[in-house]
Structures are given as structure tokens and as C-alpha cells.
Amino acid sequence: MSTINGGISFWYAQDGTPAPREPLPGDATADVCIVGGGYTGLWTAYYLKRAVPFLRITVLEQKFCGYGASGRNGGWLYNGIAGRDRYAKLHGHEAAVRLQRAMNDTVTEVVTVAGDENIEADIHQGGVLEVAYTPAQLTRLKAFHSVEIAFGEKERVLMGARETADRIRVTGAAGSSWTPHGARLHPVKLLKGLAAATEALGVTIHESTPVTEIKPKHAVTPYGTVRAPYILRCTEGFTASLKGQHRTWLPMNSSMIATEPLPQHIWDTIGWDGRETLGDMAHAYMYAQRTADDRIALGGRGVPYRFGSKTDNDGRTQPATVEALREILVRFFPTTAGARIDHAWSGVLGVPRDWCATVTLDRSTGLGWAGGYVGSGVATANLAARTLRDLVQQDAGQAGPTDLTALPWVNHKVRRWEPEPLRWLGVHGMYAAYRTADRREAAAHSTATDPIARAADRLSGRH
């Protein structure tokens, strides 16, 4: 059996694409119109409708719910949030601590709601294990661990080589950091269950309805315009396709592979009985999970960006990227060298110019948006949705300020990305630098981060 390349994602190949919902039949009105049928849009609709049952809420999705990153990600429900360190500099340490605590709680929130709504999404709360396998990575790991402790993660554990191997035997791992604030899940099963729960509350979802322009009180589509006091943009990596948003967020690619189900004798060599989500401290980092049916699903950057902020059609990824991900798999777990790769796919994530996730509601126009998760959206989308709910209720006079509306990522402003070809040159140059730095660190055995990576961090605006 050959590797399936594309077809949206392995998760859809395994669970099936959903029955299509009807497109928008013509002009319509609503109290809230949400553009985008991924995690952010559906969670926002879900929480708003739960809070204010009489609201008329319409969700518009250009393909089908979960077609984008929500149906293609690595299934990491974890407490990382893009931009926390920058928010600490802008708003003070305690403000960033509150943001981190909210993210810690969000992992539990998603698991709880999935249980309450009887959504079976292969959720296993094994936490997140991040490993280091070069001296420079170990130095970064220890610094990372200390920073997380400083932001209130008292449950986090730093482990040496032997303790790491007791959990997962990653070849050459010198140490790791583990947090309980994480879970493995099947992203499409969660997405489908959330969409069904949202519809059951009375939310209207129109698929095959691309929104071409968002303006105050209007979401414009080829089939008609939805008019509503609040128009909420929840389009993440596909934001650049909207009129006037071409340089708002950059659609960055991430690619994945999934092995065949691995036999027990291979798992005996790997361990991974806790089914933690697994990451590393490389500059061009990887992420992985042990699936419910005992595959390894593993992802990494691949080709980072398409010229002109273009996005793919069906998740197809380049053969060279598939091979690079396979090399990571075998480097981590040599006994998988003979394992078949059943599926490869890719998707795009939203990256703001300052790499900070944000939630915004412009009270003068009724336009709101959330996103820029930089790859940590499975959990962050839920926190963003609850925050959008509170902002809309506050603006409508239905509620006052809340703990969520006071978080430092609310109404954060960021400049736009550079025009082409600077955008393409910058992103490809950055990741070429990171890959070079990883190779140099592995060869040099130095405990210091390679200066090429430090320069790339500064130039990219990541730190």
C-alpha cells in the first residue's frame, strides 16, 4: 500500500468527511455572523448561544467545517500560547501569568465540554513531554523549564536522560520537561462533535460559502450578504484570502505523516505508555502523538510558506518533506525504520508579524477577530472563543467586564507583514537559518544556542 498524500488529512481519511451542509441561500440577517467554521468559529458560536440562547447566530464556512487547520493539526491540546513572553514585556509579568493560567484551565475546559457533550475524540490526558537531544537543546530546555515555572506552572517536572527514557525512549535524549497541562486527541472527531453540538443549540451553519469581504455589519459572499451587528472573523491561516487582509496574518505551512499501526514489539522498544504528546527543542521543531490505534503521527515545518500567501487545495505535501519527516521519525525511534507511512498531509497556520495570538472586538464597528495562534490553536481557539463571547456580551450591555476580557492579548494591535517578495524571502531565509543552526548544534556539541538561530529570532520578530 502506497502513502496517501493529501486528501486533506489522515484524520479525515480515518473518520470520513462530513455530510455537506447547505450553502447560504441568499441575503440573510443575524445577530452575530461568524466567518470560519474551524475551532475558533464553532467554539465562539457554541459559547455565545449557550450564554444568550435567543441570539441568531450564523456561521459561514468556505469549504466544510474543519477543512483548514482544525482538521489537519497534530492533535495537541496543550497550554502553550503564542506571544506570552511579549505580553509580559508589554503588560507586566503578572498579566502574562494570568494569561498562562487561563491557558492551563483551557485544557481542562475542552476535556470537560467534550465529556458533557458526549464527544468521543480519543482524548487522553497524558501531558506534554518536550525532549532535548543535543547539548544546546538541553541548555534551552532547562531555560524553558525555568521560565515556565516562573509563569506559574508549579506542576512541571524536569527530567534527566533516564527518567525521560522511562516515559519515551527517544534515541539520544539527554533530558526533558513534562507538564500535565496537555492531552492527545483526534482533531476531526472533536471538530465534528463540536459542530453537531453547536447546531443542536440552534446555530445556523452554511458550508461551501466563501466570504470574499468583511466590512462593518456585512459579510459578503457570492450567494448573498449576511447583515449582522457583529461580524467575527475566525479564519486563521486563510485570512489572507479576504479583501484587504492579504498582509494581516501569514499562512505558514506545517506538514505531517502518520505511520501504519505499529506492532507491540516496536512499542516495547519505544515505551510511550503514557501517550504524552511529544515535542523537541530544535529550532525547526517537531511534534508527535501516539494515536488511539497505535500509530505515530508526527509533524514539522517542511516548505514553510508559499509565495503570495497562497494556500493548498487538498493538503498535498512535497515528497522531500515526507522523507524529511520520516528521517525525524527514525532518528527518534530507530525501530520504526521498516514501518510503512500510511498518510502525509499539510495545512496552514496563522502567523502575525509579532508572533502573538490575539482576540479583538472593535466596539465602533462591531468587527471582531481571533487567531494568529502560530500552531498552538487546538486549545487557544477555545480560550479565544470564550473571550469573544464575553467581549460581545459586554459590548451589547448583557454583561460587564470579565477576567477573560482583561487578559493582555485582548485588543492587541500588530503591524502588517511586508509585501512580496520580502515576505517570501524572509520566511524561507528564517527557516533555512533554523535548519542550519540545528545541524551546526548537532555537530558542534556546544551547550550554547547557535548564533545563526539567535540572529534569525531577532530578524523574524519572534523574540
Protein backbone atom coordinates (compact mmCIF):
# COMPACT_ATOMS: atom_id res chain seq x y z
CA MET A 1 0.00 0.00 0.00
CA SER A 2 1.46 3.36 -1.02
CA THR A 3 1.41 6.50 1.07
CA ILE A 4 -1.70 8.64 0.65
CA ASN A 5 -0.51 12.21 0.03
CA GLY A 6 -3.07 14.94 0.70
CA GLY A 7 -6.75 14.12 0.83
CA ILE A 8 -6.99 16.90 3.45
CA SER A 9 -5.53 14.84 6.31
CA PHE A 10 -5.12 11.39 7.82
CA TRP A 11 -7.77 12.33 10.39
CA TYR A 12 -10.39 12.71 7.66
CA ALA A 13 -9.22 9.56 5.89
CA GLN A 14 -9.75 7.70 9.14
CA ASP A 15 -13.01 9.27 10.28
CA GLY A 16 -14.57 10.28 6.95
CA THR A 17 -15.54 13.67 5.58
CA PRO A 18 -18.84 15.02 6.93
CA ALA A 19 -22.09 15.19 5.00
CA PRO A 20 -22.19 18.63 3.35
CA ARG A 21 -24.30 21.39 4.81
CA GLU A 22 -26.29 23.72 2.58
CA PRO A 23 -24.65 26.92 1.32
CA LEU A 24 -26.10 30.33 2.09
CA PRO A 25 -29.36 30.54 0.05
CA GLY A 26 -29.29 34.35 -0.34
CA ASP A 27 -29.20 37.57 1.64
CA ALA A 28 -29.80 36.99 5.34
CA THR A 29 -29.71 38.71 8.72
CA ALA A 30 -28.36 37.58 12.09
CA ASP A 31 -27.39 38.98 15.45
CA VAL A 32 -23.87 37.57 15.10
CA CYS A 33 -22.21 36.33 11.91
CA ILE A 34 -19.09 34.21 12.32
CA VAL A 35 -16.77 33.76 9.34
CA GLY A 36 -14.90 30.45 9.51
CA GLY A 37 -16.07 27.01 10.58
CA GLY A 38 -12.99 25.79 12.41
CA TYR A 39 -12.38 25.52 16.15
CA THR A 40 -12.46 29.28 16.77
CA GLY A 41 -15.67 29.91 14.88
CA LEU A 42 -17.53 26.88 16.22
CA TRP A 43 -16.44 27.35 19.83
CA THR A 44 -17.45 31.03 19.62
CA ALA A 45 -20.89 30.11 18.26
CA TYR A 46 -21.25 27.38 20.89
CA TYR A 47 -20.42 29.59 23.86
CA LEU A 48 -22.41 32.60 22.63
CA LYS A 49 -25.51 30.50 22.04
CA ARG A 50 -25.15 28.84 25.44
CA ALA A 51 -24.80 32.25 27.10
CA VAL A 52 -27.59 34.02 25.16
CA PRO A 53 -29.97 31.41 23.70
CA PHE A 54 -32.11 33.94 21.82
CA LEU A 55 -29.18 35.16 19.67
CA ARG A 56 -29.48 34.40 15.96
CA ILE A 57 -26.00 33.15 15.06
CA THR A 58 -24.86 32.23 11.55
CA VAL A 59 -21.54 30.55 10.73
CA LEU A 60 -20.20 30.83 7.16
CA GLU A 61 -17.56 28.33 6.01
CA GLN A 62 -15.92 28.42 2.59
CA LYS A 63 -15.43 24.62 2.24
CA PHE A 64 -16.68 22.48 5.13
CA CYS A 65 -16.22 22.78 8.88
CA GLY A 66 -12.71 21.76 9.84
CA TYR A 67 -11.29 21.92 6.31
CA GLY A 68 -8.38 24.07 7.50
CA ALA A 69 -6.01 23.73 10.44
CA SER A 70 -8.73 22.38 12.76
CA GLY A 71 -8.89 19.18 10.71
CA ARG A 72 -5.18 18.83 9.92
CA ASN A 73 -3.27 19.55 13.14
CA GLY A 74 -1.25 17.22 15.34
CA GLY A 75 -3.95 16.73 17.96
CA TRP A 76 -2.05 18.61 20.66
CA LEU A 77 -4.44 20.05 23.24
CA TYR A 78 -1.91 21.90 25.37
CA ASN A 79 -1.32 25.06 27.34
CA GLY A 80 1.14 26.88 25.07
CA ILE A 81 0.12 30.29 23.77
CA ALA A 82 1.88 32.38 21.16
CA GLY A 83 3.18 35.73 22.42
CA ARG A 84 3.09 35.23 26.18
CA ASP A 85 6.64 36.48 26.72
CA ARG A 86 5.98 39.59 24.63
CA TYR A 87 2.80 40.25 26.61
CA ALA A 88 4.86 40.04 29.80
CA LYS A 89 7.13 42.80 28.45
CA LEU A 90 4.18 44.95 27.34
CA HIS A 91 1.81 44.47 30.28
CA GLY A 92 3.92 43.11 33.12
CA HIS A 93 4.72 39.65 34.42
CA GLU A 94 1.51 39.18 36.41
CA ALA A 95 -0.66 39.89 33.37
CA ALA A 96 1.19 37.18 31.46
CA VAL A 97 0.81 34.80 34.42
CA ARG A 98 -2.96 35.32 34.27
CA LEU A 99 -2.88 34.50 30.56
CA GLN A 100 -0.90 31.33 31.24
CA ARG A 101 -3.27 30.24 34.00
CA ALA A 102 -6.19 30.76 31.63
CA MET A 103 -4.46 28.50 29.10
CA ASN A 104 -3.82 25.84 31.76
CA ASP A 105 -7.52 25.90 32.62
CA THR A 106 -8.46 25.76 28.94
CA VAL A 107 -7.09 22.24 28.55
CA THR A 108 -9.45 21.09 31.30
CA GLU A 109 -12.31 23.12 29.79
CA VAL A 110 -12.08 21.39 26.41
CA VAL A 111 -11.92 17.95 28.01
CA THR A 112 -14.89 18.77 30.24
CA VAL A 113 -17.10 20.10 27.43
CA ALA A 114 -16.24 17.12 25.24
CA GLY A 115 -17.43 14.87 28.05
CA ASP A 116 -20.58 16.90 28.72
CA GLU A 117 -21.49 16.85 25.02
CA ASN A 118 -20.64 13.15 24.62
CA ILE A 119 -17.94 13.92 22.05
CA GLU A 120 -15.68 10.88 21.69
CA ALA A 121 -12.43 12.35 20.40
CA ASP A 122 -9.81 9.82 21.59
CA ILE A 123 -8.78 12.26 24.34
CA HIS A 124 -6.03 11.06 26.66
CA GLN A 125 -4.59 13.44 29.25
CA GLY A 126 -1.00 12.29 29.32
CA GLY A 127 0.50 15.77 29.40
CA VAL A 128 3.23 17.16 27.13
CA LEU A 129 6.82 15.89 27.05
CA GLU A 130 9.43 18.06 25.35
CA VAL A 131 12.85 16.49 24.86
CA ALA A 132 16.40 17.70 24.22
CA TYR A 133 18.94 15.57 22.33
CA THR A 134 21.89 17.92 21.85
CA PRO A 135 23.83 19.90 24.48
CA ALA A 136 22.50 23.20 23.09
CA GLN A 137 18.92 21.89 23.19
CA LEU A 138 19.45 20.78 26.79
CA THR A 139 20.57 24.29 27.72
CA ARG A 140 17.44 25.71 26.07
CA LEU A 141 15.26 23.07 27.71
CA LYS A 142 16.47 24.00 31.20
CA ALA A 143 15.95 27.70 30.48
CA PHE A 144 12.49 26.98 29.04
CA HIS A 145 11.59 24.91 32.10
CA SER A 146 12.65 27.71 34.47
CA VAL A 147 10.61 30.27 32.54
CA GLU A 148 7.51 28.07 32.63
CA ILE A 149 7.90 27.65 36.39
CA ALA A 150 8.18 31.44 36.70
CA PHE A 151 4.89 31.81 34.85
CA GLY A 152 3.13 29.66 37.42
CA GLU A 153 3.49 26.10 36.13
CA LYS A 154 4.25 24.58 39.52
CA GLU A 155 3.35 21.06 38.35
CA ARG A 156 6.00 20.97 35.62
CA VAL A 157 8.77 18.36 36.02
CA LEU A 158 12.35 18.48 34.70
CA MET A 159 13.80 15.04 33.94
CA GLY A 160 17.20 13.64 33.04
CA ALA A 161 18.02 11.03 30.43
CA ARG A 162 16.99 8.01 32.50
CA GLU A 163 13.65 9.47 33.66
CA THR A 164 12.91 10.58 30.10
CA ALA A 165 13.55 7.07 28.79
CA ASP A 166 11.18 5.68 31.42
CA ARG A 167 8.44 7.63 29.64
CA ILE A 168 9.52 7.60 25.98
CA ARG A 169 12.78 6.18 24.67
CA VAL A 170 13.86 8.88 22.22
CA THR A 171 17.32 7.98 20.94
CA GLY A 172 19.93 10.31 22.38
CA ALA A 173 17.52 12.24 24.59
CA ALA A 174 19.54 13.97 27.30
CA GLY A 175 16.58 15.33 29.23
CA SER A 176 13.01 16.53 29.05
CA SER A 177 10.40 18.79 30.57
CA TRP A 178 6.89 17.49 31.25
CA THR A 179 3.68 19.35 32.04
CA PRO A 180 0.35 17.75 32.94
CA HIS A 181 -1.50 20.54 31.08
CA GLY A 182 -1.87 18.67 27.84
CA ALA A 183 -3.78 15.91 26.10
CA ARG A 184 -3.70 13.91 22.91
CA LEU A 185 -6.85 13.94 20.81
CA HIS A 186 -8.27 13.17 17.37
CA PRO A 187 -8.83 16.66 15.94
CA VAL A 188 -11.53 15.72 13.41
CA LYS A 189 -13.60 13.78 15.93
CA LEU A 190 -13.51 16.82 18.23
CA LEU A 191 -14.39 19.14 15.35
CA LYS A 192 -17.33 17.04 14.14
CA GLY A 193 -18.70 16.66 17.65
CA LEU A 194 -18.39 20.39 18.31
CA ALA A 195 -20.16 21.24 15.03
CA ALA A 196 -23.02 18.88 15.88
CA ALA A 197 -23.33 20.26 19.42
CA THR A 198 -23.35 23.82 18.07
CA GLU A 199 -26.07 23.05 15.53
CA ALA A 200 -28.12 21.29 18.21
CA LEU A 201 -28.20 24.57 20.14
CA GLY A 202 -29.82 26.28 17.14
CA VAL A 203 -26.82 27.85 15.40
CA THR A 204 -27.09 28.02 11.59
CA ILE A 205 -24.04 26.74 9.68
CA HIS A 206 -23.65 27.31 5.94
CA GLU A 207 -20.83 25.48 4.16
CA SER A 208 -19.47 25.91 0.62
CA THR A 209 -19.95 29.63 1.22
CA PRO A 210 -16.73 31.60 0.76
CA VAL A 211 -16.73 35.06 2.30
CA THR A 212 -14.93 37.46 -0.01
CA GLU A 213 -15.15 40.63 2.06
CA ILE A 214 -15.88 41.60 5.64
CA LYS A 215 -17.00 45.12 6.45
CA PRO A 216 -18.99 46.64 9.32
CA LYS A 217 -22.27 44.75 9.70
CA HIS A 218 -21.73 42.86 6.41
CA ALA A 219 -20.20 39.50 5.41
CA VAL A 220 -20.20 39.37 1.61
CA THR A 221 -20.40 36.04 -0.27
CA PRO A 222 -21.11 35.08 -3.91
CA TYR A 223 -24.55 33.86 -2.80
CA GLY A 224 -25.64 36.86 -0.81
CA THR A 225 -24.70 39.09 2.10
CA VAL A 226 -25.27 38.35 5.77
CA ARG A 227 -26.02 41.51 7.74
CA ALA A 228 -25.41 41.48 11.48
CA PRO A 229 -24.38 43.93 14.21
CA TYR A 230 -21.35 41.72 14.92
CA ILE A 231 -19.15 40.13 12.25
CA LEU A 232 -16.46 37.91 13.76
CA ARG A 233 -13.51 36.79 11.62
CA CYS A 234 -12.25 33.35 12.63
CA THR A 235 -10.26 32.39 9.56
CA GLU A 236 -6.70 31.83 10.92
CA GLY A 237 -4.36 30.71 8.11
CA PHE A 238 -6.92 31.54 5.40
CA THR A 239 -7.27 35.19 6.43
CA ALA A 240 -5.10 36.41 3.53
CA SER A 241 -7.81 35.43 1.02
CA LEU A 242 -10.17 38.11 2.35
CA LYS A 243 -10.28 41.52 0.72
CA GLY A 244 -7.92 43.94 2.49
CA GLN A 245 -6.38 41.20 4.69
CA HIS A 246 -3.60 39.97 2.41
CA ARG A 247 -0.81 41.04 4.78
CA THR A 248 -2.63 40.63 8.09
CA TRP A 249 -1.54 37.10 9.01
CA LEU A 250 0.92 34.95 7.13
CA PRO A 251 -0.28 31.42 6.19
CA MET A 252 2.61 29.21 7.29
CA ASN A 253 2.71 25.55 6.28
CA SER A 254 3.15 22.62 8.59
CA SER A 255 3.28 19.02 7.37
CA MET A 256 2.60 15.65 8.96
CA ILE A 257 2.96 11.94 8.44
CA ALA A 258 1.15 9.02 10.06
CA THR A 259 2.63 5.53 10.24
CA GLU A 260 0.76 2.27 9.96
CA PRO A 261 -0.41 0.88 13.33
CA LEU A 262 2.80 -0.32 14.98
CA PRO A 263 3.04 -3.82 16.45
CA GLN A 264 3.60 -4.38 20.14
CA HIS A 265 7.23 -5.45 19.75
CA ILE A 266 8.06 -1.96 18.38
CA TRP A 267 6.17 -0.27 21.19
CA ASP A 268 8.17 -2.41 23.62
CA THR A 269 11.31 -0.64 22.32
CA ILE A 270 9.74 2.84 22.45
CA GLY A 271 7.61 2.85 25.59
CA TRP A 272 5.23 5.84 25.38
CA ASP A 273 2.70 4.07 27.60
CA GLY A 274 1.57 7.43 28.99
CA ARG A 275 0.64 8.62 25.49
CA GLU A 276 2.07 12.07 26.14
CA THR A 277 2.21 14.48 23.23
CA LEU A 278 5.86 14.74 22.23
CA GLY A 279 7.93 17.72 21.09
CA ASP A 280 11.56 18.76 20.98
CA MET A 281 13.74 21.81 21.49
CA ALA A 282 15.08 22.09 17.94
CA HIS A 283 14.73 25.44 16.19
CA ALA A 284 12.87 23.67 13.36
CA TYR A 285 10.86 21.69 15.89
CA MET A 286 8.80 18.51 15.58
CA TYR A 287 5.58 17.42 17.27
CA ALA A 288 4.04 13.98 17.59
CA GLN A 289 1.43 11.82 19.25
CA ARG A 290 0.74 8.12 19.75
CA THR A 291 -2.72 7.71 18.27
CA ALA A 292 -5.56 5.70 19.75
CA ASP A 293 -4.89 2.93 17.22
CA ASP A 294 -1.14 2.88 17.95
CA ARG A 295 0.29 4.85 15.05
CA ILE A 296 2.79 7.64 15.37
CA ALA A 297 1.55 10.90 13.84
CA LEU A 298 4.47 13.30 13.51
CA GLY A 299 4.78 16.79 12.10
CA GLY A 300 7.26 19.52 11.29
CA ARG A 301 7.78 22.53 9.08
CA GLY A 302 8.58 21.24 5.56
CA VAL A 303 8.22 24.01 2.96
CA PRO A 304 7.30 26.89 5.28
CA TYR A 305 5.49 29.33 3.00
CA ARG A 306 4.04 29.70 -0.50
CA PHE A 307 4.72 32.90 -2.46
CA GLY A 308 1.88 35.42 -2.29
CA SER A 309 0.32 33.87 0.84
CA LYS A 310 -1.18 31.06 -1.21
CA THR A 311 -2.76 28.04 0.48
CA ASP A 312 -3.05 24.46 -0.74
CA ASN A 313 -6.20 22.79 -2.02
CA ASP A 314 -6.16 19.33 -0.50
CA GLY A 315 -3.25 19.07 1.92
CA ARG A 316 -0.79 17.56 -0.54
CA THR A 317 2.83 17.92 0.56
CA GLN A 318 6.14 17.55 -1.25
CA PRO A 319 7.87 14.12 -1.33
CA ALA A 320 11.04 15.71 0.08
CA THR A 321 9.06 16.90 3.10
CA VAL A 322 7.61 13.42 3.63
CA GLU A 323 11.10 11.97 3.57
CA ALA A 324 12.44 14.63 5.96
CA LEU A 325 9.67 13.82 8.46
CA ARG A 326 10.37 10.12 8.10
CA GLU A 327 14.03 10.80 8.89
CA ILE A 328 12.99 12.56 12.11
CA LEU A 329 10.78 9.60 12.99
CA VAL A 330 13.59 7.09 12.50
CA ARG A 331 16.16 9.28 14.26
CA PHE A 332 13.87 9.42 17.30
CA PHE A 333 12.78 5.77 17.10
CA PRO A 334 15.15 3.58 15.02
CA THR A 335 12.91 0.51 15.32
CA THR A 336 10.33 2.28 13.12
CA ALA A 337 12.72 2.21 10.13
CA GLY A 338 10.69 -0.50 8.42
CA ALA A 339 7.28 0.96 9.28
CA ARG A 340 5.02 1.99 6.43
CA ILE A 341 3.98 5.66 6.18
CA ASP A 342 0.24 5.47 5.52
CA HIS A 343 -0.53 9.16 5.07
CA ALA A 344 1.16 12.52 4.55
CA TRP A 345 -0.56 15.90 4.52
CA SER A 346 -0.08 19.58 5.24
CA GLY A 347 -2.02 22.66 6.31
CA VAL A 348 -1.56 26.32 7.13
CA LEU A 349 -1.49 28.16 10.43
CA GLY A 350 -1.86 31.88 11.03
CA VAL A 351 1.25 33.89 11.96
CA PRO A 352 1.02 37.59 12.94
CA ARG A 353 4.05 39.79 12.31
CA ASP A 354 4.95 39.80 16.01
CA TRP A 355 4.03 36.10 16.53
CA CYS A 356 1.36 36.99 19.11
CA ALA A 357 -2.08 35.40 19.28
CA THR A 358 -4.85 37.99 19.73
CA VAL A 359 -8.56 38.48 20.39
CA THR A 360 -10.20 41.75 19.37
CA LEU A 361 -13.62 43.38 19.19
CA ASP A 362 -13.82 46.86 17.66
CA ARG A 363 -16.75 48.42 19.50
CA SER A 364 -17.13 51.21 16.95
CA THR A 365 -17.70 48.82 14.02
CA GLY A 366 -18.84 45.53 15.54
CA LEU A 367 -15.97 43.76 13.79
CA GLY A 368 -14.12 41.16 15.82
CA TRP A 369 -11.48 38.56 15.23
CA ALA A 370 -9.34 35.96 16.95
CA GLY A 371 -6.36 33.92 15.86
CA GLY A 372 -2.69 34.13 14.99
CA TYR A 373 -2.13 31.03 17.10
CA VAL A 374 1.19 30.10 15.41
CA GLY A 375 0.43 26.40 15.67
CA SER A 376 -0.98 26.15 19.19
CA GLY A 377 -4.60 26.66 18.23
CA VAL A 378 -6.29 23.46 19.42
CA ALA A 379 -6.57 24.83 22.95
CA THR A 380 -6.05 28.54 22.28
CA ALA A 381 -9.08 28.65 19.98
CA ASN A 382 -11.28 27.67 22.92
CA LEU A 383 -9.93 30.45 25.16
CA ALA A 384 -10.27 32.91 22.27
CA ALA A 385 -13.88 31.86 21.71
CA ARG A 386 -14.86 32.32 25.33
CA THR A 387 -13.14 35.71 25.28
CA LEU A 388 -15.03 36.76 22.12
CA ARG A 389 -18.25 35.67 23.81
CA ASP A 390 -17.52 37.92 26.78
CA LEU A 391 -16.50 40.86 24.56
CA VAL A 392 -19.72 40.64 22.54
CA GLN A 393 -21.86 40.35 25.66
CA GLN A 394 -20.04 43.27 27.26
CA ASP A 395 -20.46 45.42 24.15
CA ALA A 396 -24.17 44.54 23.89
CA GLY A 397 -24.73 45.51 27.51
CA GLN A 398 -25.58 41.95 28.50
CA ALA A 399 -22.60 41.57 30.86
CA GLY A 400 -19.76 43.53 32.40
CA PRO A 401 -16.00 43.04 32.12
CA THR A 402 -14.73 39.58 32.99
CA ASP A 403 -11.40 38.00 33.86
CA LEU A 404 -11.09 36.94 30.23
CA THR A 405 -11.70 40.38 28.74
CA ALA A 406 -8.91 41.73 30.99
CA LEU A 407 -6.26 39.35 29.63
CA PRO A 408 -3.33 41.07 27.92
CA TRP A 409 -3.93 39.59 24.44
CA VAL A 410 -7.29 41.34 24.14
CA ASN A 411 -7.31 44.17 21.54
CA HIS A 412 -3.58 43.80 20.89
CA LYS A 413 -2.52 45.62 17.72
CA VAL A 414 0.21 44.44 15.37
CA ARG A 415 1.68 45.77 12.14
CA ARG A 416 1.18 44.05 8.81
CA TRP A 417 3.61 41.73 7.05
CA GLU A 418 5.97 43.11 4.43
CA PRO A 419 4.90 42.94 0.76
CA GLU A 420 6.28 40.30 -1.60
CA PRO A 421 8.94 39.28 -2.36
CA LEU A 422 10.23 40.38 1.05
CA ARG A 423 7.71 38.16 2.83
CA TRP A 424 8.76 35.03 0.92
CA LEU A 425 12.48 35.77 1.20
CA GLY A 426 12.21 36.48 4.91
CA VAL A 427 10.29 33.36 5.89
CA HIS A 428 12.34 30.98 3.74
CA GLY A 429 15.55 32.61 4.92
CA MET A 430 14.48 32.28 8.56
CA TYR A 431 13.76 28.57 8.33
CA ALA A 432 16.89 27.89 6.30
CA ALA A 433 18.79 29.57 9.15
CA TYR A 434 17.00 27.44 11.77
CA ARG A 435 17.76 24.20 9.93
CA THR A 436 21.40 25.24 9.56
CA ALA A 437 21.56 26.09 13.26
CA ASP A 438 20.14 22.68 14.21
CA ARG A 439 22.77 20.91 12.07
CA ARG A 440 25.60 23.04 13.49
CA GLU A 441 24.45 22.42 17.07
CA ALA A 442 24.32 18.66 16.48
CA ALA A 443 27.82 18.68 15.00
CA ALA A 444 29.50 21.07 17.43
CA HIS A 445 28.28 19.55 20.72
CA SER A 446 28.27 23.06 22.19
CA THR A 447 25.91 23.91 25.03
CA ALA A 448 25.21 27.36 23.54
CA THR A 449 22.46 28.16 21.04
CA ASP A 450 23.96 28.67 17.61
CA PRO A 451 24.37 32.39 16.75
CA ILE A 452 22.61 31.86 13.40
CA ALA A 453 19.42 30.90 15.27
CA ARG A 454 19.75 33.90 17.58
CA ALA A 455 20.05 36.19 14.57
CA ALA A 456 17.03 34.56 12.91
CA ASP A 457 14.99 35.07 16.09
CA ARG A 458 15.82 38.77 16.17
CA LEU A 459 15.16 39.35 12.47
CA SER A 460 11.87 37.44 12.47
CA GLY A 461 10.43 39.31 15.42
CA ARG A 462 9.81 36.08 17.34
CA HIS A 463 11.73 37.29 20.41
